Amino acid sequence: MTAELRTSDGLLLEHKWSLPDQVERAAILCHPHPLHGGSMSAPLMRRLKNVLVARGFAVVRFNFRGVGESEGVFGGGVGEVSDVEAAVDLARSSYPDLPLGIAGWSFGSVTALRWSALHESEIPYAGIAPPVGSELSLELPELRHLADAPRTLIIGDADQFTTVEQVQEYAKAIGARVEVLKGSDHFFFTKEGIVGELVAEALSR
């Protein structure tokens, strides 16, 4: 896969494809906050990729603007939605005849959902540890801005930035399922494989 990942404002983004022997679906993965060490190489991102590839997904991970080899600087969450759009366009052009899904972790879950709202997308969405109610979070979309689509939120019951109750309330408001992992915090240490399986299931709906 040699096509560039370039945004509508001209930035070249670092990205990596991971492919199964037989591609059945495609998925885009969006990483955590660029200003807090988030990148496509985070351990959970790599584990998600591995699980999805094992389930027949062609997976594209990318670094948001200003991260790693990606051009530009942090865009305050607005520019990053454009980054998501570029990644979705790349996945669609690479696999135009296959089902597509999108998932994000923390900041990535918010930017992916904001992209979904902006484009009234009907593709399956999985949000991992969405920071609902956190002062560190971007504003989350309301149901009236979202098209009807399969949506799943995954949260640990010991998350440092939100609560299960807040996530469940938001999920109800946007018509999403909630998967709660007991004993897990925002980073899902030792539970990465379980998170991956939940994401694979969510993106196969």
C-alpha atoms as a PDB file:
ATOM      1  CA  MET A   1       0.000   0.000   0.000  1.00  0.00           C
ATOM      2  CA  THR A   2       1.917   3.037  -1.257  1.00  0.00           C
ATOM      3  CA  ALA A   3      -0.741   5.773  -1.517  1.00  0.00           C
ATOM      4  CA  GLU A   4      -0.065   8.933   0.477  1.00  0.00           C
ATOM      5  CA  LEU A   5      -2.264  10.046   3.349  1.00  0.00           C
ATOM      6  CA  ARG A   6      -2.707  13.763   2.762  1.00  0.00           C
ATOM      7  CA  THR A   7      -5.219  16.069   4.442  1.00  0.00           C
ATOM      8  CA  SER A   8      -7.506  18.585   2.764  1.00  0.00           C
ATOM      9  CA  ASP A   9      -5.180  21.365   3.992  1.00  0.00           C
ATOM     10  CA  GLY A  10      -2.179  19.696   2.389  1.00  0.00           C
ATOM     11  CA  LEU A  11      -0.447  17.941   5.283  1.00  0.00           C
ATOM     12  CA  LEU A  12       1.233  14.595   4.724  1.00  0.00           C
ATOM     13  CA  LEU A  13       0.440  12.199   7.577  1.00  0.00           C
ATOM     14  CA  GLU A  14       2.479   9.200   8.634  1.00  0.00           C
ATOM     15  CA  HIS A  15       0.443   6.021   8.365  1.00  0.00           C
ATOM     16  CA  LYS A  16       0.787   2.250   8.287  1.00  0.00           C
ATOM     17  CA  TRP A  17      -1.356  -0.457   6.725  1.00  0.00           C
ATOM     18  CA  SER A  18      -1.550  -3.916   8.288  1.00  0.00           C
ATOM     19  CA  LEU A  19      -3.115  -6.601   6.120  1.00  0.00           C
ATOM     20  CA  PRO A  20      -4.470 -10.122   6.621  1.00  0.00           C
ATOM     21  CA  ASP A  21      -3.963 -12.853   4.038  1.00  0.00           C
ATOM     22  CA  GLN A  22      -7.557 -12.378   2.919  1.00  0.00           C
ATOM     23  CA  VAL A  23      -9.111  -8.957   3.383  1.00  0.00           C
ATOM     24  CA  GLU A  24     -12.793  -9.008   4.328  1.00  0.00           C
ATOM     25  CA  ARG A  25     -13.224  -5.558   5.866  1.00  0.00           C
ATOM     26  CA  ALA A  26     -11.264  -2.356   6.437  1.00  0.00           C
ATOM     27  CA  ALA A  27     -10.802  -0.312   9.604  1.00  0.00           C
ATOM     28  CA  ILE A  28      -9.321   3.030  10.636  1.00  0.00           C
ATOM     29  CA  LEU A  29      -7.753   3.389  14.097  1.00  0.00           C
ATOM     30  CA  CYS A  30      -7.387   6.811  15.771  1.00  0.00           C
ATOM     31  CA  HIS A  31      -4.859   7.265  18.583  1.00  0.00           C
ATOM     32  CA  PRO A  32      -4.997   9.129  21.943  1.00  0.00           C
ATOM     33  CA  HIS A  33      -4.193  12.788  22.610  1.00  0.00           C
ATOM     34  CA  PRO A  34      -1.182  14.111  20.672  1.00  0.00           C
ATOM     35  CA  LEU A  35      -0.135  16.402  23.533  1.00  0.00           C
ATOM     36  CA  HIS A  36      -0.092  13.572  26.074  1.00  0.00           C
ATOM     37  CA  GLY A  37       2.087  11.046  24.282  1.00  0.00           C
ATOM     38  CA  GLY A  38      -0.573   9.549  22.032  1.00  0.00           C
ATOM     39  CA  SER A  39       0.545   7.962  18.778  1.00  0.00           C
ATOM     40  CA  MET A  40      -0.314   5.113  16.454  1.00  0.00           C
ATOM     41  CA  SER A  41       2.512   3.112  18.074  1.00  0.00           C
ATOM     42  CA  ALA A  42       0.959   3.023  21.557  1.00  0.00           C
ATOM     43  CA  PRO A  43       0.800  -0.575  22.859  1.00  0.00           C
ATOM     44  CA  LEU A  44      -3.009  -0.721  22.842  1.00  0.00           C
ATOM     45  CA  MET A  45      -3.100   0.598  19.278  1.00  0.00           C
ATOM     46  CA  ARG A  46      -0.716  -2.127  18.158  1.00  0.00           C
ATOM     47  CA  ARG A  47      -2.742  -4.814  19.943  1.00  0.00           C
ATOM     48  CA  LEU A  48      -5.977  -3.565  18.394  1.00  0.00           C
ATOM     49  CA  LYS A  49      -4.333  -3.756  14.997  1.00  0.00           C
ATOM     50  CA  ASN A  50      -3.168  -7.320  15.591  1.00  0.00           C
ATOM     51  CA  VAL A  51      -6.597  -8.540  16.689  1.00  0.00           C
ATOM     52  CA  LEU A  52      -8.371  -6.840  13.799  1.00  0.00           C
ATOM     53  CA  VAL A  53      -5.937  -8.239  11.236  1.00  0.00           C
ATOM     54  CA  ALA A  54      -6.504 -11.714  12.682  1.00  0.00           C
ATOM     55  CA  ARG A  55     -10.239 -11.141  12.103  1.00  0.00           C
ATOM     56  CA  GLY A  56      -9.784 -10.267   8.431  1.00  0.00           C
ATOM     57  CA  PHE A  57      -9.555  -6.478   8.644  1.00  0.00           C
ATOM     58  CA  ALA A  58      -7.168  -4.371   6.592  1.00  0.00           C
ATOM     59  CA  VAL A  59      -6.158  -1.802   9.210  1.00  0.00           C
ATOM     60  CA  VAL A  60      -4.789   1.687   8.677  1.00  0.00           C
ATOM     61  CA  ARG A  61      -3.262   3.495  11.634  1.00  0.00           C
ATOM     62  CA  PHE A  62      -1.996   7.049  11.319  1.00  0.00           C
ATOM     63  CA  ASN A  63      -0.369   9.759  13.383  1.00  0.00           C
ATOM     64  CA  PHE A  64      -2.361  12.937  13.824  1.00  0.00           C
ATOM     65  CA  ARG A  65      -0.762  16.137  12.569  1.00  0.00           C
ATOM     66  CA  GLY A  66       2.382  17.044  14.496  1.00  0.00           C
ATOM     67  CA  VAL A  67       2.930  13.509  15.814  1.00  0.00           C
ATOM     68  CA  GLY A  68       5.850  11.336  14.709  1.00  0.00           C
ATOM     69  CA  GLU A  69       6.595  11.869  11.024  1.00  0.00           C
ATOM     70  CA  SER A  70       3.287  13.620  10.338  1.00  0.00           C
ATOM     71  CA  GLU A  71       3.518  17.194   9.135  1.00  0.00           C
ATOM     72  CA  GLY A  72       1.920  20.156  10.892  1.00  0.00           C
ATOM     73  CA  VAL A  73       1.167  20.979  14.520  1.00  0.00           C
ATOM     74  CA  PHE A  74      -1.627  20.106  16.941  1.00  0.00           C
ATOM     75  CA  GLY A  75      -4.897  21.463  15.573  1.00  0.00           C
ATOM     76  CA  GLY A  76      -6.886  21.751  18.785  1.00  0.00           C
ATOM     77  CA  GLY A  77      -9.133  18.874  17.774  1.00  0.00           C
ATOM     78  CA  VAL A  78     -10.473  20.636  14.687  1.00  0.00           C
ATOM     79  CA  GLY A  79      -7.549  19.852  12.415  1.00  0.00           C
ATOM     80  CA  GLU A  80      -7.520  16.311  13.721  1.00  0.00           C
ATOM     81  CA  VAL A  81     -11.054  15.721  12.436  1.00  0.00           C
ATOM     82  CA  SER A  82      -9.672  16.595   9.000  1.00  0.00           C
ATOM     83  CA  ASP A  83      -6.953  14.008   9.608  1.00  0.00           C
ATOM     84  CA  VAL A  84      -9.628  11.396  10.291  1.00  0.00           C
ATOM     85  CA  GLU A  85     -11.410  12.401   7.100  1.00  0.00           C
ATOM     86  CA  ALA A  86      -8.216  11.869   5.095  1.00  0.00           C
ATOM     87  CA  ALA A  87      -7.715   8.426   6.643  1.00  0.00           C
ATOM     88  CA  VAL A  88     -11.300   7.416   5.882  1.00  0.00           C
ATOM     89  CA  ASP A  89     -10.923   8.613   2.297  1.00  0.00           C
ATOM     90  CA  LEU A  90      -7.731   6.565   1.948  1.00  0.00           C
ATOM     91  CA  ALA A  91      -9.397   3.433   3.319  1.00  0.00           C
ATOM     92  CA  ARG A  92     -12.421   3.886   1.072  1.00  0.00           C
ATOM     93  CA  SER A  93     -10.312   4.398  -2.039  1.00  0.00           C
ATOM     94  CA  SER A  94      -8.115   1.416  -1.164  1.00  0.00           C
ATOM     95  CA  TYR A  95     -11.045  -0.948  -0.489  1.00  0.00           C
ATOM     96  CA  PRO A  96     -14.092   0.589  -2.183  1.00  0.00           C
ATOM     97  CA  ASP A  97     -16.108  -2.629  -2.206  1.00  0.00           C
ATOM     98  CA  LEU A  98     -15.547  -3.706   1.405  1.00  0.00           C
ATOM     99  CA  PRO A  99     -17.347  -2.789   4.642  1.00  0.00           C
ATOM    100  CA  LEU A 100     -15.562  -0.062   6.596  1.00  0.00           C
ATOM    101  CA  GLY A 101     -15.415   0.689  10.317  1.00  0.00           C
ATOM    102  CA  ILE A 102     -13.710   3.258  12.525  1.00  0.00           C
ATOM    103  CA  ALA A 103     -12.431   3.085  16.094  1.00  0.00           C
ATOM    104  CA  GLY A 104     -10.576   5.442  18.383  1.00  0.00           C
ATOM    105  CA  TRP A 105      -9.096   5.456  21.849  1.00  0.00           C
ATOM    106  CA  SER A 106      -9.668   8.403  24.229  1.00  0.00           C
ATOM    107  CA  PHE A 107      -9.025  11.587  22.184  1.00  0.00           C
ATOM    108  CA  GLY A 108      -9.162   9.380  19.103  1.00  0.00           C
ATOM    109  CA  SER A 109     -12.625   8.165  20.065  1.00  0.00           C
ATOM    110  CA  VAL A 110     -13.865  11.752  20.198  1.00  0.00           C
ATOM    111  CA  THR A 111     -12.307  12.836  16.901  1.00  0.00           C
ATOM    112  CA  ALA A 112     -13.667   9.731  15.168  1.00  0.00           C
ATOM    113  CA  LEU A 113     -17.160  10.421  16.503  1.00  0.00           C
ATOM    114  CA  ARG A 114     -16.943  14.101  15.571  1.00  0.00           C
ATOM    115  CA  TRP A 115     -16.014  13.030  12.046  1.00  0.00           C
ATOM    116  CA  SER A 116     -18.998  10.654  12.044  1.00  0.00           C
ATOM    117  CA  ALA A 117     -21.305  13.503  13.043  1.00  0.00           C
ATOM    118  CA  LEU A 118     -19.841  15.932  10.514  1.00  0.00           C
ATOM    119  CA  HIS A 119     -20.398  13.500   7.653  1.00  0.00           C
ATOM    120  CA  GLU A 120     -23.548  11.808   8.997  1.00  0.00           C
ATOM    121  CA  SER A 121     -21.651   8.561   8.623  1.00  0.00           C
ATOM    122  CA  GLU A 122     -23.416   5.222   8.887  1.00  0.00           C
ATOM    123  CA  ILE A 123     -20.276   3.093   9.258  1.00  0.00           C
ATOM    124  CA  PRO A 124     -19.778   1.124  12.510  1.00  0.00           C
ATOM    125  CA  TYR A 125     -17.965   3.012  15.271  1.00  0.00           C
ATOM    126  CA  ALA A 126     -16.169   1.860  18.414  1.00  0.00           C
ATOM    127  CA  GLY A 127     -15.111   4.378  21.056  1.00  0.00           C
ATOM    128  CA  ILE A 128     -12.541   3.142  23.567  1.00  0.00           C
ATOM    129  CA  ALA A 129     -12.450   5.039  26.887  1.00  0.00           C
ATOM    130  CA  PRO A 130     -14.250   8.141  25.585  1.00  0.00           C
ATOM    131  CA  PRO A 131     -13.511  10.900  28.131  1.00  0.00           C
ATOM    132  CA  VAL A 132     -17.165  11.796  28.684  1.00  0.00           C
ATOM    133  CA  GLY A 133     -17.513  14.752  31.035  1.00  0.00           C
ATOM    134  CA  SER A 134     -13.768  15.337  31.316  1.00  0.00           C
ATOM    135  CA  GLU A 135     -12.537  18.918  31.157  1.00  0.00           C
ATOM    136  CA  LEU A 136      -9.719  17.570  28.980  1.00  0.00           C
ATOM    137  CA  SER A 137     -12.150  16.327  26.329  1.00  0.00           C
ATOM    138  CA  LEU A 138     -13.372  17.930  23.157  1.00  0.00           C
ATOM    139  CA  GLU A 139     -17.123  18.438  22.947  1.00  0.00           C
ATOM    140  CA  LEU A 140     -18.904  15.216  22.080  1.00  0.00           C
ATOM    141  CA  PRO A 141     -21.603  15.208  19.377  1.00  0.00           C
ATOM    142  CA  GLU A 142     -25.293  15.039  20.230  1.00  0.00           C
ATOM    143  CA  LEU A 143     -27.638  12.452  18.749  1.00  0.00           C
ATOM    144  CA  ARG A 144     -29.251  15.007  16.437  1.00  0.00           C
ATOM    145  CA  HIS A 145     -25.905  15.367  14.661  1.00  0.00           C
ATOM    146  CA  LEU A 146     -25.385  11.621  14.193  1.00  0.00           C
ATOM    147  CA  ALA A 147     -26.813   9.338  11.528  1.00  0.00           C
ATOM    148  CA  ASP A 148     -28.223   5.960  12.490  1.00  0.00           C
ATOM    149  CA  ALA A 149     -25.198   3.651  12.758  1.00  0.00           C
ATOM    150  CA  PRO A 150     -23.896   0.804  14.941  1.00  0.00           C
ATOM    151  CA  ARG A 151     -22.010   2.416  17.826  1.00  0.00           C
ATOM    152  CA  THR A 152     -20.216   0.831  20.771  1.00  0.00           C
ATOM    153  CA  LEU A 153     -18.463   2.477  23.725  1.00  0.00           C
ATOM    154  CA  ILE A 154     -15.889   0.513  25.741  1.00  0.00           C
ATOM    155  CA  ILE A 155     -14.996   1.678  29.245  1.00  0.00           C
ATOM    156  CA  GLY A 156     -13.088   0.393  32.250  1.00  0.00           C
ATOM    157  CA  ASP A 157     -14.819   0.710  35.601  1.00  0.00           C
ATOM    158  CA  ALA A 158     -11.688   2.335  37.068  1.00  0.00           C
ATOM    159  CA  ASP A 159     -11.180   4.931  34.320  1.00  0.00           C
ATOM    160  CA  GLN A 160      -9.324   8.004  35.593  1.00  0.00           C
ATOM    161  CA  PHE A 161     -11.130  10.549  33.414  1.00  0.00           C
ATOM    162  CA  THR A 162     -14.785   9.550  33.459  1.00  0.00           C
ATOM    163  CA  THR A 163     -17.213   7.144  35.111  1.00  0.00           C
ATOM    164  CA  VAL A 164     -19.198   4.190  33.853  1.00  0.00           C
ATOM    165  CA  GLU A 165     -22.383   6.085  34.692  1.00  0.00           C
ATOM    166  CA  GLN A 166     -21.375   9.086  32.579  1.00  0.00           C
ATOM    167  CA  VAL A 167     -20.484   6.864  29.640  1.00  0.00           C
ATOM    168  CA  GLN A 168     -23.719   4.897  29.956  1.00  0.00           C
ATOM    169  CA  GLU A 169     -25.752   8.103  30.033  1.00  0.00           C
ATOM    170  CA  TYR A 170     -24.003   9.426  26.922  1.00  0.00           C
ATOM    171  CA  ALA A 171     -24.329   6.052  25.180  1.00  0.00           C
ATOM    172  CA  LYS A 172     -28.066   6.084  25.812  1.00  0.00           C
ATOM    173  CA  ALA A 173     -28.262   9.585  24.349  1.00  0.00           C
ATOM    174  CA  ILE A 174     -26.559   8.541  21.090  1.00  0.00           C
ATOM    175  CA  GLY A 175     -27.958   5.028  20.779  1.00  0.00           C
ATOM    176  CA  ALA A 176     -24.710   3.194  21.529  1.00  0.00           C
ATOM    177  CA  ARG A 177     -24.008  -0.094  23.275  1.00  0.00           C
ATOM    178  CA  VAL A 178     -21.688  -0.055  26.293  1.00  0.00           C
ATOM    179  CA  GLU A 179     -19.117  -2.689  27.196  1.00  0.00           C
ATOM    180  CA  VAL A 180     -17.696  -2.366  30.728  1.00  0.00           C
ATOM    181  CA  LEU A 181     -14.387  -4.020  31.619  1.00  0.00           C
ATOM    182  CA  LYS A 182     -14.133  -4.639  35.340  1.00  0.00           C
ATOM    183  CA  GLY A 183     -10.810  -3.805  36.946  1.00  0.00           C
ATOM    184  CA  SER A 184      -9.606  -1.755  33.968  1.00  0.00           C
ATOM    185  CA  ASP A 185      -8.639   1.888  33.888  1.00  0.00           C
ATOM    186  CA  HIS A 186      -8.136   4.267  30.962  1.00  0.00           C
ATOM    187  CA  PHE A 187      -5.219   2.236  29.624  1.00  0.00           C
ATOM    188  CA  PHE A 188      -6.593  -1.335  29.810  1.00  0.00           C
ATOM    189  CA  PHE A 189      -3.307  -2.922  30.912  1.00  0.00           C
ATOM    190  CA  THR A 190      -3.524  -6.749  30.580  1.00  0.00           C
ATOM    191  CA  LYS A 191      -6.959  -6.358  28.932  1.00  0.00           C
ATOM    192  CA  GLU A 192      -5.762  -5.211  25.500  1.00  0.00           C
ATOM    193  CA  GLY A 193      -6.776  -8.456  23.811  1.00  0.00           C
ATOM    194  CA  ILE A 194     -10.287  -8.258  25.236  1.00  0.00           C
ATOM    195  CA  VAL A 195     -10.604  -4.673  24.025  1.00  0.00           C
ATOM    196  CA  GLY A 196      -9.444  -5.792  20.588  1.00  0.00           C
ATOM    197  CA  GLU A 197     -12.077  -8.521  20.410  1.00  0.00           C
ATOM    198  CA  LEU A 198     -14.798  -6.068  21.454  1.00  0.00           C
ATOM    199  CA  VAL A 199     -13.683  -3.620  18.774  1.00  0.00           C
ATOM    200  CA  ALA A 200     -13.613  -6.356  16.121  1.00  0.00           C
ATOM    201  CA  GLU A 201     -17.150  -7.352  17.088  1.00  0.00           C
ATOM    202  CA  ALA A 202     -18.336  -3.738  17.068  1.00  0.00           C
ATOM    203  CA  LEU A 203     -16.877  -3.000  13.639  1.00  0.00           C
ATOM    204  CA  SER A 204     -18.397  -6.168  12.187  1.00  0.00           C
ATOM    205  CA  ARG A 205     -21.958  -5.104  12.972  1.00  0.00           C
END
